[in-house]
Amino acid sequence: MPTKSVPIVLKDGKTRQFRLEWQNICRLDREHKISIFDFGRDAIFGQISPVKITGIIWAGLLPDEPTLTFEKVEKELMAFEDFQKYMDIITEAIPQFLPEAEKQKEPGKKA
């Protein structure tokens, strides 16, 4: 079952759907050495870089725009003043990507 999407408006003003799908998460890791599974830890420790944010946004746009390049997202679609918006969208989308058992698991309890 596909993950749900989260609407996102980037610098060009166009509303797109941000959706994390397995093959694109693997592509992000394989091609750019960026893992979404490090996102929470990196955010807590203040280690989120613009490259990580750009990569995750790029991967989340690929389901609807498979020819979109990382470079186009970086150069034409991202804006520094929207950094917090990107963080919020990624934070909202990641739980939708996880299996149901992981979303419902309480800390300290086994699923």
PDB file of N, CA and C in Angstrom:
ATOM      1  N   MET A   1       0.844  -1.179   0.000  1.00  0.00           N
ATOM      2  CA  MET A   1       0.000   0.000   0.000  1.00  0.00           C
ATOM      3  C   MET A   1       0.890   1.244   0.000  1.00  0.00           C
ATOM      4  N   PRO A   2       0.632   2.184  -0.907  1.00  0.00           N
ATOM      5  CA  PRO A   2       1.463   3.387  -0.951  1.00  0.00           C
ATOM      6  C   PRO A   2       1.274   4.237   0.300  1.00  0.00           C
ATOM      7  N   THR A   3       2.338   4.961   0.628  1.00  0.00           N
ATOM      8  CA  THR A   3       2.245   5.855   1.770  1.00  0.00           C
ATOM      9  C   THR A   3       1.412   7.073   1.396  1.00  0.00           C
ATOM     10  N   LYS A   4       0.894   7.721   2.409  1.00  0.00           N
ATOM     11  CA  LYS A   4       0.122   8.928   2.181  1.00  0.00           C
ATOM     12  C   LYS A   4       1.063  10.053   1.800  1.00  0.00           C
ATOM     13  N   SER A   5       0.524  11.045   1.129  1.00  0.00           N
ATOM     14  CA  SER A   5       1.352  12.183   0.744  1.00  0.00           C
ATOM     15  C   SER A   5       1.019  13.391   1.609  1.00  0.00           C
ATOM     16  N   VAL A   6       1.972  14.307   1.646  1.00  0.00           N
ATOM     17  CA  VAL A   6       1.832  15.558   2.378  1.00  0.00           C
ATOM     18  C   VAL A   6       2.033  16.669   1.355  1.00  0.00           C
ATOM     19  N   PRO A   7       1.108  17.620   1.255  1.00  0.00           N
ATOM     20  CA  PRO A   7       1.315  18.706   0.285  1.00  0.00           C
ATOM     21  C   PRO A   7       2.496  19.582   0.696  1.00  0.00           C
ATOM     22  N   ILE A   8       3.236  20.029  -0.309  1.00  0.00           N
ATOM     23  CA  ILE A   8       4.378  20.907  -0.078  1.00  0.00           C
ATOM     24  C   ILE A   8       4.422  21.950  -1.192  1.00  0.00           C
ATOM     25  N   VAL A   9       4.672  23.180  -0.810  1.00  0.00           N
ATOM     26  CA  VAL A   9       4.839  24.261  -1.769  1.00  0.00           C
ATOM     27  C   VAL A   9       6.291  24.703  -1.675  1.00  0.00           C
ATOM     28  N   LEU A  10       6.990  24.621  -2.802  1.00  0.00           N
ATOM     29  CA  LEU A  10       8.392  25.002  -2.835  1.00  0.00           C
ATOM     30  C   LEU A  10       8.540  26.396  -3.446  1.00  0.00           C
ATOM     31  N   LYS A  11       9.777  26.797  -3.669  1.00  0.00           N
ATOM     32  CA  LYS A  11      10.089  28.164  -4.074  1.00  0.00           C
ATOM     33  C   LYS A  11       9.378  28.607  -5.353  1.00  0.00           C
ATOM     34  N   ASP A  12       9.060  27.677  -6.230  1.00  0.00           N
ATOM     35  CA  ASP A  12       8.391  28.038  -7.484  1.00  0.00           C
ATOM     36  C   ASP A  12       6.889  28.265  -7.314  1.00  0.00           C
ATOM     37  N   GLY A  13       6.361  28.052  -6.094  1.00  0.00           N
ATOM     38  CA  GLY A  13       4.951  28.287  -5.816  1.00  0.00           C
ATOM     39  C   GLY A  13       4.024  27.143  -6.192  1.00  0.00           C
ATOM     40  N   LYS A  14       4.538  26.109  -6.797  1.00  0.00           N
ATOM     41  CA  LYS A  14       3.727  24.966  -7.227  1.00  0.00           C
ATOM     42  C   LYS A  14       3.494  24.017  -6.046  1.00  0.00           C
ATOM     43  N   THR A  15       2.252  23.585  -5.867  1.00  0.00           N
ATOM     44  CA  THR A  15       1.950  22.601  -4.826  1.00  0.00           C
ATOM     45  C   THR A  15       2.246  21.208  -5.363  1.00  0.00           C
ATOM     46  N   ARG A  16       3.051  20.502  -4.619  1.00  0.00           N
ATOM     47  CA  ARG A  16       3.420  19.137  -4.978  1.00  0.00           C
ATOM     48  C   ARG A  16       3.019  18.208  -3.834  1.00  0.00           C
ATOM     49  N   GLN A  17       3.096  16.911  -4.087  1.00  0.00           N
ATOM     50  CA  GLN A  17       2.829  15.916  -3.060  1.00  0.00           C
ATOM     51  C   GLN A  17       4.145  15.277  -2.651  1.00  0.00           C
ATOM     52  N   PHE A  18       4.444  15.339  -1.363  1.00  0.00           N
ATOM     53  CA  PHE A  18       5.652  14.750  -0.799  1.00  0.00           C
ATOM     54  C   PHE A  18       5.269  13.396  -0.228  1.00  0.00           C
ATOM     55  N   ARG A  19       5.929  12.349  -0.718  1.00  0.00           N
ATOM     56  CA  ARG A  19       5.578  10.996  -0.295  1.00  0.00           C
ATOM     57  C   ARG A  19       6.850  10.153  -0.267  1.00  0.00           C
ATOM     58  N   LEU A  20       7.071   9.506   0.836  1.00  0.00           N
ATOM     59  CA  LEU A  20       8.253   8.659   0.964  1.00  0.00           C
ATOM     60  C   LEU A  20       7.912   7.234   0.547  1.00  0.00           C
ATOM     61  N   GLU A  21       8.612   6.758  -0.462  1.00  0.00           N
ATOM     62  CA  GLU A  21       8.439   5.391  -0.933  1.00  0.00           C
ATOM     63  C   GLU A  21       9.789   4.674  -0.867  1.00  0.00           C
ATOM     64  N   TRP A  22       9.737   3.395  -0.580  1.00  0.00           N
ATOM     65  CA  TRP A  22      10.936   2.606  -0.308  1.00  0.00           C
ATOM     66  C   TRP A  22      12.007   2.762  -1.380  1.00  0.00           C
ATOM     67  N   GLN A  23      11.644   2.611  -2.647  1.00  0.00           N
ATOM     68  CA  GLN A  23      12.656   2.638  -3.705  1.00  0.00           C
ATOM     69  C   GLN A  23      13.368   3.992  -3.772  1.00  0.00           C
ATOM     70  N   ASN A  24      12.668   5.056  -3.455  1.00  0.00           N
ATOM     71  CA  ASN A  24      13.290   6.379  -3.499  1.00  0.00           C
ATOM     72  C   ASN A  24      14.146   6.646  -2.261  1.00  0.00           C
ATOM     73  N   ILE A  25      13.754   6.074  -1.134  1.00  0.00           N
ATOM     74  CA  ILE A  25      14.570   6.165   0.072  1.00  0.00           C
ATOM     75  C   ILE A  25      15.877   5.391  -0.146  1.00  0.00           C
ATOM     76  N   CYS A  26      15.785   4.239  -0.789  1.00  0.00           N
ATOM     77  CA  CYS A  26      16.993   3.470  -1.115  1.00  0.00           C
ATOM     78  C   CYS A  26      17.869   4.236  -2.105  1.00  0.00           C
ATOM     79  N   ARG A  27      17.252   4.841  -3.083  1.00  0.00           N
ATOM     80  CA  ARG A  27      18.002   5.630  -4.073  1.00  0.00           C
ATOM     81  C   ARG A  27      18.735   6.793  -3.400  1.00  0.00           C
ATOM     82  N   LEU A  28      18.067   7.477  -2.487  1.00  0.00           N
ATOM     83  CA  LEU A  28      18.676   8.582  -1.756  1.00  0.00           C
ATOM     84  C   LEU A  28      19.904   8.101  -0.992  1.00  0.00           C
ATOM     85  N   ASP A  29      19.787   6.981  -0.339  1.00  0.00           N
ATOM     86  CA  ASP A  29      20.897   6.425   0.435  1.00  0.00           C
ATOM     87  C   ASP A  29      22.025   5.965  -0.494  1.00  0.00           C
ATOM     88  N   ARG A  30      21.658   5.272  -1.550  1.00  0.00           N
ATOM     89  CA  ARG A  30      22.645   4.719  -2.480  1.00  0.00           C
ATOM     90  C   ARG A  30      23.401   5.826  -3.233  1.00  0.00           C
ATOM     91  N   GLU A  31      22.687   6.808  -3.753  1.00  0.00           N
ATOM     92  CA  GLU A  31      23.310   7.824  -4.596  1.00  0.00           C
ATOM     93  C   GLU A  31      23.903   8.992  -3.819  1.00  0.00           C
ATOM     94  N   HIS A  32      23.338   9.299  -2.648  1.00  0.00           N
ATOM     95  CA  HIS A  32      23.762  10.505  -1.928  1.00  0.00           C
ATOM     96  C   HIS A  32      24.198  10.231  -0.489  1.00  0.00           C
ATOM     97  N   LYS A  33      24.164   8.959  -0.083  1.00  0.00           N
ATOM     98  CA  LYS A  33      24.573   8.568   1.276  1.00  0.00           C
ATOM     99  C   LYS A  33      23.798   9.327   2.356  1.00  0.00           C
ATOM    100  N   ILE A  34      22.503   9.527   2.109  1.00  0.00           N
ATOM    101  CA  ILE A  34      21.608  10.192   3.066  1.00  0.00           C
ATOM    102  C   ILE A  34      20.535   9.190   3.465  1.00  0.00           C
ATOM    103  N   SER A  35      20.443   8.920   4.755  1.00  0.00           N
ATOM    104  CA  SER A  35      19.440   7.976   5.257  1.00  0.00           C
ATOM    105  C   SER A  35      18.363   8.724   6.034  1.00  0.00           C
ATOM    106  N   ILE A  36      17.101   8.479   5.695  1.00  0.00           N
ATOM    107  CA  ILE A  36      16.029   9.120   6.469  1.00  0.00           C
ATOM    108  C   ILE A  36      15.967   8.560   7.877  1.00  0.00           C
ATOM    109  N   PHE A  37      16.547   7.384   8.079  1.00  0.00           N
ATOM    110  CA  PHE A  37      16.487   6.768   9.394  1.00  0.00           C
ATOM    111  C   PHE A  37      17.382   7.488  10.406  1.00  0.00           C
ATOM    112  N   ASP A  38      18.235   8.368   9.922  1.00  0.00           N
ATOM    113  CA  ASP A  38      19.069   9.190  10.800  1.00  0.00           C
ATOM    114  C   ASP A  38      18.433  10.548  11.090  1.00  0.00           C
ATOM    115  N   PHE A  39      17.338  10.862  10.432  1.00  0.00           N
ATOM    116  CA  PHE A  39      16.751  12.205  10.509  1.00  0.00           C
ATOM    117  C   PHE A  39      16.402  12.628  11.931  1.00  0.00           C
ATOM    118  N   GLY A  40      15.712  11.771  12.670  1.00  0.00           N
ATOM    119  CA  GLY A  40      15.298  12.120  14.036  1.00  0.00           C
ATOM    120  C   GLY A  40      16.490  12.398  14.936  1.00  0.00           C
ATOM    121  N   ARG A  41      17.461  11.509  14.909  1.00  0.00           N
ATOM    122  CA  ARG A  41      18.662  11.690  15.714  1.00  0.00           C
ATOM    123  C   ARG A  41      19.405  12.962  15.306  1.00  0.00           C
ATOM    124  N   ASP A  42      19.553  13.167  14.008  1.00  0.00           N
ATOM    125  CA  ASP A  42      20.261  14.359  13.531  1.00  0.00           C
ATOM    126  C   ASP A  42      19.539  15.636  13.950  1.00  0.00           C
ATOM    127  N   ALA A  43      18.210  15.622  13.908  1.00  0.00           N
ATOM    128  CA  ALA A  43      17.442  16.803  14.320  1.00  0.00           C
ATOM    129  C   ALA A  43      17.641  17.084  15.808  1.00  0.00           C
ATOM    130  N   ILE A  44      17.608  16.049  16.613  1.00  0.00           N
ATOM    131  CA  ILE A  44      17.791  16.216  18.061  1.00  0.00           C
ATOM    132  C   ILE A  44      19.159  16.821  18.371  1.00  0.00           C
ATOM    133  N   PHE A  45      20.189  16.371  17.672  1.00  0.00           N
ATOM    134  CA  PHE A  45      21.543  16.831  17.951  1.00  0.00           C
ATOM    135  C   PHE A  45      21.974  18.013  17.079  1.00  0.00           C
ATOM    136  N   GLY A  46      21.031  18.603  16.353  1.00  0.00           N
ATOM    137  CA  GLY A  46      21.349  19.778  15.545  1.00  0.00           C
ATOM    138  C   GLY A  46      22.303  19.498  14.402  1.00  0.00           C
ATOM    139  N   GLN A  47      22.196  18.312  13.829  1.00  0.00           N
ATOM    140  CA  GLN A  47      23.104  17.921  12.757  1.00  0.00           C
ATOM    141  C   GLN A  47      22.407  17.825  11.403  1.00  0.00           C
ATOM    142  N   ILE A  48      21.307  18.525  11.264  1.00  0.00           N
ATOM    143  CA  ILE A  48      20.608  18.516   9.980  1.00  0.00           C
ATOM    144  C   ILE A  48      21.303  19.505   9.057  1.00  0.00           C
ATOM    145  N   SER A  49      21.746  19.017   7.931  1.00  0.00           N
ATOM    146  CA  SER A  49      22.416  19.884   6.962  1.00  0.00           C
ATOM    147  C   SER A  49      21.449  20.216   5.825  1.00  0.00           C
ATOM    148  N   PRO A  50      21.708  21.299   5.113  1.00  0.00           N
ATOM    149  CA  PRO A  50      20.876  21.624   3.945  1.00  0.00           C
ATOM    150  C   PRO A  50      20.877  20.503   2.909  1.00  0.00           C
ATOM    151  N   VAL A  51      21.994  19.787   2.796  1.00  0.00           N
ATOM    152  CA  VAL A  51      22.072  18.688   1.828  1.00  0.00           C
ATOM    153  C   VAL A  51      21.120  17.557   2.230  1.00  0.00           C
ATOM    154  N   LYS A  52      21.056  17.230   3.519  1.00  0.00           N
ATOM    155  CA  LYS A  52      20.133  16.183   3.987  1.00  0.00           C
ATOM    156  C   LYS A  52      18.681  16.585   3.737  1.00  0.00           C
ATOM    157  N   ILE A  53      18.348  17.824   4.079  1.00  0.00           N
ATOM    158  CA  ILE A  53      16.973  18.294   3.874  1.00  0.00           C
ATOM    159  C   ILE A  53      16.630  18.257   2.384  1.00  0.00           C
ATOM    160  N   THR A  54      17.523  18.773   1.558  1.00  0.00           N
ATOM    161  CA  THR A  54      17.292  18.773   0.110  1.00  0.00           C
ATOM    162  C   THR A  54      17.113  17.350  -0.404  1.00  0.00           C
ATOM    163  N   GLY A  55      17.954  16.437   0.066  1.00  0.00           N
ATOM    164  CA  GLY A  55      17.867  15.052  -0.391  1.00  0.00           C
ATOM    165  C   GLY A  55      16.558  14.384  -0.019  1.00  0.00           C
ATOM    166  N   ILE A  56      16.123  14.597   1.195  1.00  0.00           N
ATOM    167  CA  ILE A  56      14.865  13.971   1.634  1.00  0.00           C
ATOM    168  C   ILE A  56      13.691  14.570   0.873  1.00  0.00           C
ATOM    169  N   ILE A  57      13.701  15.889   0.669  1.00  0.00           N
ATOM    170  CA  ILE A  57      12.633  16.510  -0.129  1.00  0.00           C
ATOM    171  C   ILE A  57      12.653  15.944  -1.544  1.00  0.00           C
ATOM    172  N   TRP A  58      13.830  15.857  -2.148  1.00  0.00           N
ATOM    173  CA  TRP A  58      13.955  15.298  -3.506  1.00  0.00           C
ATOM    174  C   TRP A  58      13.371  13.886  -3.564  1.00  0.00           C
ATOM    175  N   ALA A  59      13.767  13.032  -2.616  1.00  0.00           N
ATOM    176  CA  ALA A  59      13.270  11.654  -2.610  1.00  0.00           C
ATOM    177  C   ALA A  59      11.753  11.606  -2.453  1.00  0.00           C
ATOM    178  N   GLY A  60      11.205  12.525  -1.666  1.00  0.00           N
ATOM    179  CA  GLY A  60       9.764  12.556  -1.449  1.00  0.00           C
ATOM    180  C   GLY A  60       8.966  13.076  -2.633  1.00  0.00           C
ATOM    181  N   LEU A  61       9.633  13.745  -3.566  1.00  0.00           N
ATOM    182  CA  LEU A  61       8.954  14.247  -4.766  1.00  0.00           C
ATOM    183  C   LEU A  61       9.050  13.264  -5.932  1.00  0.00           C
ATOM    184  N   LEU A  62       9.982  12.341  -5.877  1.00  0.00           N
ATOM    185  CA  LEU A  62      10.210  11.403  -6.983  1.00  0.00           C
ATOM    186  C   LEU A  62       9.005  10.552  -7.382  1.00  0.00           C
ATOM    187  N   PRO A  63       8.118  10.134  -6.453  1.00  0.00           N
ATOM    188  CA  PRO A  63       6.996   9.311  -6.904  1.00  0.00           C
ATOM    189  C   PRO A  63       6.148   9.984  -7.995  1.00  0.00           C
ATOM    190  N   ASP A  64       5.994  11.294  -7.902  1.00  0.00           N
ATOM    191  CA  ASP A  64       5.187  12.009  -8.905  1.00  0.00           C
ATOM    192  C   ASP A  64       6.030  12.681  -9.980  1.00  0.00           C
ATOM    193  N   GLU A  65       7.335  12.832  -9.721  1.00  0.00           N
ATOM    194  CA  GLU A  65       8.231  13.483 -10.681  1.00  0.00           C
ATOM    195  C   GLU A  65       9.514  12.661 -10.806  1.00  0.00           C
ATOM    196  N   PRO A  66       9.431  11.486 -11.433  1.00  0.00           N
ATOM    197  CA  PRO A  66      10.565  10.566 -11.448  1.00  0.00           C
ATOM    198  C   PRO A  66      11.811  11.093 -12.166  1.00  0.00           C
ATOM    199  N   THR A  67      11.706  12.106 -12.997  1.00  0.00           N
ATOM    200  CA  THR A  67      12.879  12.635 -13.690  1.00  0.00           C
ATOM    201  C   THR A  67      13.471  13.858 -12.977  1.00  0.00           C
ATOM    202  N   LEU A  68      12.884  14.243 -11.869  1.00  0.00           N
ATOM    203  CA  LEU A  68      13.383  15.389 -11.105  1.00  0.00           C
ATOM    204  C   LEU A  68      14.791  15.080 -10.592  1.00  0.00           C
ATOM    205  N   THR A  69      15.680  16.057 -10.723  1.00  0.00           N
ATOM    206  CA  THR A  69      17.046  15.840 -10.264  1.00  0.00           C
ATOM    207  C   THR A  69      17.280  16.492  -8.905  1.00  0.00           C
ATOM    208  N   PHE A  70      18.221  15.934  -8.176  1.00  0.00           N
ATOM    209  CA  PHE A  70      18.644  16.499  -6.897  1.00  0.00           C
ATOM    210  C   PHE A  70      19.095  17.946  -7.112  1.00  0.00           C
ATOM    211  N   GLU A  71      19.845  18.157  -8.183  1.00  0.00           N
ATOM    212  CA  GLU A  71      20.379  19.481  -8.477  1.00  0.00           C
ATOM    213  C   GLU A  71      19.277  20.506  -8.731  1.00  0.00           C
ATOM    214  N   LYS A  72      18.213  20.110  -9.426  1.00  0.00           N
ATOM    215  CA  LYS A  72      17.116  21.051  -9.663  1.00  0.00           C
ATOM    216  C   LYS A  72      16.441  21.428  -8.345  1.00  0.00           C
ATOM    217  N   VAL A  73      16.218  20.446  -7.483  1.00  0.00           N
ATOM    218  CA  VAL A  73      15.606  20.744  -6.189  1.00  0.00           C
ATOM    219  C   VAL A  73      16.507  21.715  -5.426  1.00  0.00           C
ATOM    220  N   GLU A  74      17.797  21.420  -5.396  1.00  0.00           N
ATOM    221  CA  GLU A  74      18.759  22.255  -4.665  1.00  0.00           C
ATOM    222  C   GLU A  74      18.817  23.678  -5.209  1.00  0.00           C
ATOM    223  N   LYS A  75      18.912  23.817  -6.506  1.00  0.00           N
ATOM    224  CA  LYS A  75      19.154  25.132  -7.116  1.00  0.00           C
ATOM    225  C   LYS A  75      17.901  25.947  -7.373  1.00  0.00           C
ATOM    226  N   GLU A  76      16.786  25.279  -7.648  1.00  0.00           N
ATOM    227  CA  GLU A  76      15.604  26.009  -8.094  1.00  0.00           C
ATOM    228  C   GLU A  76      14.392  25.947  -7.166  1.00  0.00           C
ATOM    229  N   LEU A  77      14.329  24.949  -6.292  1.00  0.00           N
ATOM    230  CA  LEU A  77      13.091  24.743  -5.545  1.00  0.00           C
ATOM    231  C   LEU A  77      13.187  24.989  -4.039  1.00  0.00           C
ATOM    232  N   MET A  78      14.392  25.050  -3.499  1.00  0.00           N
ATOM    233  CA  MET A  78      14.554  25.205  -2.059  1.00  0.00           C
ATOM    234  C   MET A  78      14.911  26.647  -1.710  1.00  0.00           C
ATOM    235  N   ALA A  79      14.429  27.094  -0.558  1.00  0.00           N
ATOM    236  CA  ALA A  79      14.726  28.440  -0.072  1.00  0.00           C
ATOM    237  C   ALA A  79      15.080  28.360   1.406  1.00  0.00           C
ATOM    238  N   PHE A  80      16.150  29.044   1.798  1.00  0.00           N
ATOM    239  CA  PHE A  80      16.609  28.983   3.186  1.00  0.00           C
ATOM    240  C   PHE A  80      15.538  29.413   4.174  1.00  0.00           C
ATOM    241  N   GLU A  81      14.760  30.413   3.813  1.00  0.00           N
ATOM    242  CA  GLU A  81      13.733  30.909   4.730  1.00  0.00           C
ATOM    243  C   GLU A  81      12.623  29.889   4.991  1.00  0.00           C
ATOM    244  N   ASP A  82      12.557  28.839   4.193  1.00  0.00           N
ATOM    245  CA  ASP A  82      11.540  27.800   4.379  1.00  0.00           C
ATOM    246  C   ASP A  82      12.087  26.563   5.098  1.00  0.00           C
ATOM    247  N   PHE A  83      13.265  26.682   5.684  1.00  0.00           N
ATOM    248  CA  PHE A  83      13.914  25.552   6.355  1.00  0.00           C
ATOM    249  C   PHE A  83      12.983  24.870   7.351  1.00  0.00           C
ATOM    250  N   GLN A  84      12.323  25.635   8.218  1.00  0.00           N
ATOM    251  CA  GLN A  84      11.452  25.037   9.232  1.00  0.00           C
ATOM    252  C   GLN A  84      10.257  24.330   8.589  1.00  0.00           C
ATOM    253  N   LYS A  85       9.736  24.884   7.518  1.00  0.00           N
ATOM    254  CA  LYS A  85       8.639  24.236   6.799  1.00  0.00           C
ATOM    255  C   LYS A  85       9.075  22.874   6.278  1.00  0.00           C
ATOM    256  N   TYR A  86      10.273  22.787   5.728  1.00  0.00           N
ATOM    257  CA  TYR A  86      10.782  21.504   5.228  1.00  0.00           C
ATOM    258  C   TYR A  86      10.921  20.497   6.369  1.00  0.00           C
ATOM    259  N   MET A  87      11.447  20.969   7.484  1.00  0.00           N
ATOM    260  CA  MET A  87      11.599  20.097   8.654  1.00  0.00           C
ATOM    261  C   MET A  87      10.238  19.564   9.104  1.00  0.00           C
ATOM    262  N   ASP A  88       9.238  20.424   9.147  1.00  0.00           N
ATOM    263  CA  ASP A  88       7.894  20.020   9.574  1.00  0.00           C
ATOM    264  C   ASP A  88       7.290  18.989   8.622  1.00  0.00           C
ATOM    265  N   ILE A  89       7.463  19.189   7.335  1.00  0.00           N
ATOM    266  CA  ILE A  89       6.900  18.264   6.344  1.00  0.00           C
ATOM    267  C   ILE A  89       7.567  16.898   6.456  1.00  0.00           C
ATOM    268  N   ILE A  90       8.874  16.884   6.584  1.00  0.00           N
ATOM    269  CA  ILE A  90       9.585  15.610   6.725  1.00  0.00           C
ATOM    270  C   ILE A  90       9.147  14.902   8.000  1.00  0.00           C
ATOM    271  N   THR A  91       9.054  15.657   9.083  1.00  0.00           N
ATOM    272  CA  THR A  91       8.631  15.086  10.366  1.00  0.00           C
ATOM    273  C   THR A  91       7.221  14.516  10.283  1.00  0.00           C
ATOM    274  N   GLU A  92       6.349  15.157   9.529  1.00  0.00           N
ATOM    275  CA  GLU A  92       4.980  14.661   9.352  1.00  0.00           C
ATOM    276  C   GLU A  92       4.951  13.418   8.460  1.00  0.00           C
ATOM    277  N   ALA A  93       5.800  13.368   7.459  1.00  0.00           N
ATOM    278  CA  ALA A  93       5.752  12.282   6.481  1.00  0.00           C
ATOM    279  C   ALA A  93       6.413  10.999   6.960  1.00  0.00           C
ATOM    280  N   ILE A  94       7.473  11.092   7.734  1.00  0.00           N
ATOM    281  CA  ILE A  94       8.208   9.883   8.126  1.00  0.00           C
ATOM    282  C   ILE A  94       7.327   8.864   8.846  1.00  0.00           C
ATOM    283  N   PRO A  95       6.492   9.251   9.828  1.00  0.00           N
ATOM    284  CA  PRO A  95       5.644   8.232  10.473  1.00  0.00           C
ATOM    285  C   PRO A  95       4.676   7.542   9.509  1.00  0.00           C
ATOM    286  N   GLN A  96       4.258   8.235   8.460  1.00  0.00           N
ATOM    287  CA  GLN A  96       3.358   7.630   7.481  1.00  0.00           C
ATOM    288  C   GLN A  96       4.089   6.571   6.650  1.00  0.00           C
ATOM    289  N   PHE A  97       5.398   6.681   6.574  1.00  0.00           N
ATOM    290  CA  PHE A  97       6.222   5.752   5.823  1.00  0.00           C
ATOM    291  C   PHE A  97       6.467   4.462   6.607  1.00  0.00           C
ATOM    292  N   LEU A  98       6.471   4.565   7.935  1.00  0.00           N
ATOM    293  CA  LEU A  98       6.777   3.410   8.778  1.00  0.00           C
ATOM    294  C   LEU A  98       5.625   2.413   8.801  1.00  0.00           C
ATOM    295  N   PRO A  99       5.932   1.151   8.997  1.00  0.00           N
ATOM    296  CA  PRO A  99       4.873   0.146   9.125  1.00  0.00           C
ATOM    297  C   PRO A  99       3.976   0.453  10.325  1.00  0.00           C
ATOM    298  N   GLU A 100       2.738   0.027  10.261  1.00  0.00           N
ATOM    299  CA  GLU A 100       1.760   0.283  11.334  1.00  0.00           C
ATOM    300  C   GLU A 100       2.270  -0.156  12.703  1.00  0.00           C
ATOM    301  N   ALA A 101       2.921  -1.304  12.778  1.00  0.00           N
ATOM    302  CA  ALA A 101       3.400  -1.803  14.071  1.00  0.00           C
ATOM    303  C   ALA A 101       4.394  -0.831  14.696  1.00  0.00           C
ATOM    304  N   GLU A 102       5.231  -0.209  13.899  1.00  0.00           N
ATOM    305  CA  GLU A 102       6.214   0.738  14.416  1.00  0.00           C
ATOM    306  C   GLU A 102       5.546   2.017  14.903  1.00  0.00           C
ATOM    307  N   LYS A 103       4.510   2.481  14.220  1.00  0.00           N
ATOM    308  CA  LYS A 103       3.807   3.694  14.614  1.00  0.00           C
ATOM    309  C   LYS A 103       3.096   3.519  15.951  1.00  0.00           C
ATOM    310  N   GLN A 104       2.584   2.323  16.193  1.00  0.00           N
ATOM    311  CA  GLN A 104       1.777   2.088  17.395  1.00  0.00           C
ATOM    312  C   GLN A 104       2.600   1.575  18.580  1.00  0.00           C
ATOM    313  N   LYS A 105       3.839   1.237  18.328  1.00  0.00           N
ATOM    314  CA  LYS A 105       4.689   0.681  19.385  1.00  0.00           C
ATOM    315  C   LYS A 105       4.986   1.747  20.443  1.00  0.00           C
ATOM    316  N   GLU A 106       4.742   1.394  21.670  1.00  0.00           N
ATOM    317  CA  GLU A 106       5.040   2.301  22.772  1.00  0.00           C
ATOM    318  C   GLU A 106       6.503   2.164  23.149  1.00  0.00           C
ATOM    319  N   PRO A 107       7.146   3.271  23.560  1.00  0.00           N
ATOM    320  CA  PRO A 107       8.541   3.163  23.973  1.00  0.00           C
ATOM    321  C   PRO A 107       8.704   2.140  25.100  1.00  0.00           C
ATOM    322  N   GLY A 108       9.723   1.299  24.967  1.00  0.00           N
ATOM    323  CA  GLY A 108      10.011   0.309  26.002  1.00  0.00           C
ATOM    324  C   GLY A 108       9.221  -0.971  25.892  1.00  0.00           C
ATOM    325  N   LYS A 109       8.267  -1.059  24.971  1.00  0.00           N
ATOM    326  CA  LYS A 109       7.474  -2.283  24.823  1.00  0.00           C
ATOM    327  C   LYS A 109       7.822  -2.947  23.488  1.00  0.00           C
ATOM    328  N   LYS A 110       7.764  -4.260  23.486  1.00  0.00           N
ATOM    329  CA  LYS A 110       7.996  -4.998  22.249  1.00  0.00           C
ATOM    330  C   LYS A 110       6.706  -5.094  21.476  1.00  0.00           C
ATOM    331  N   ALA A 111       6.826  -5.025  20.140  1.00  0.00           N
ATOM    332  CA  ALA A 111       5.631  -5.096  19.279  1.00  0.00           C
ATOM    333  C   ALA A 111       5.085  -6.502  19.229  1.00  0.00           C
TER     334      ALA A 111
END
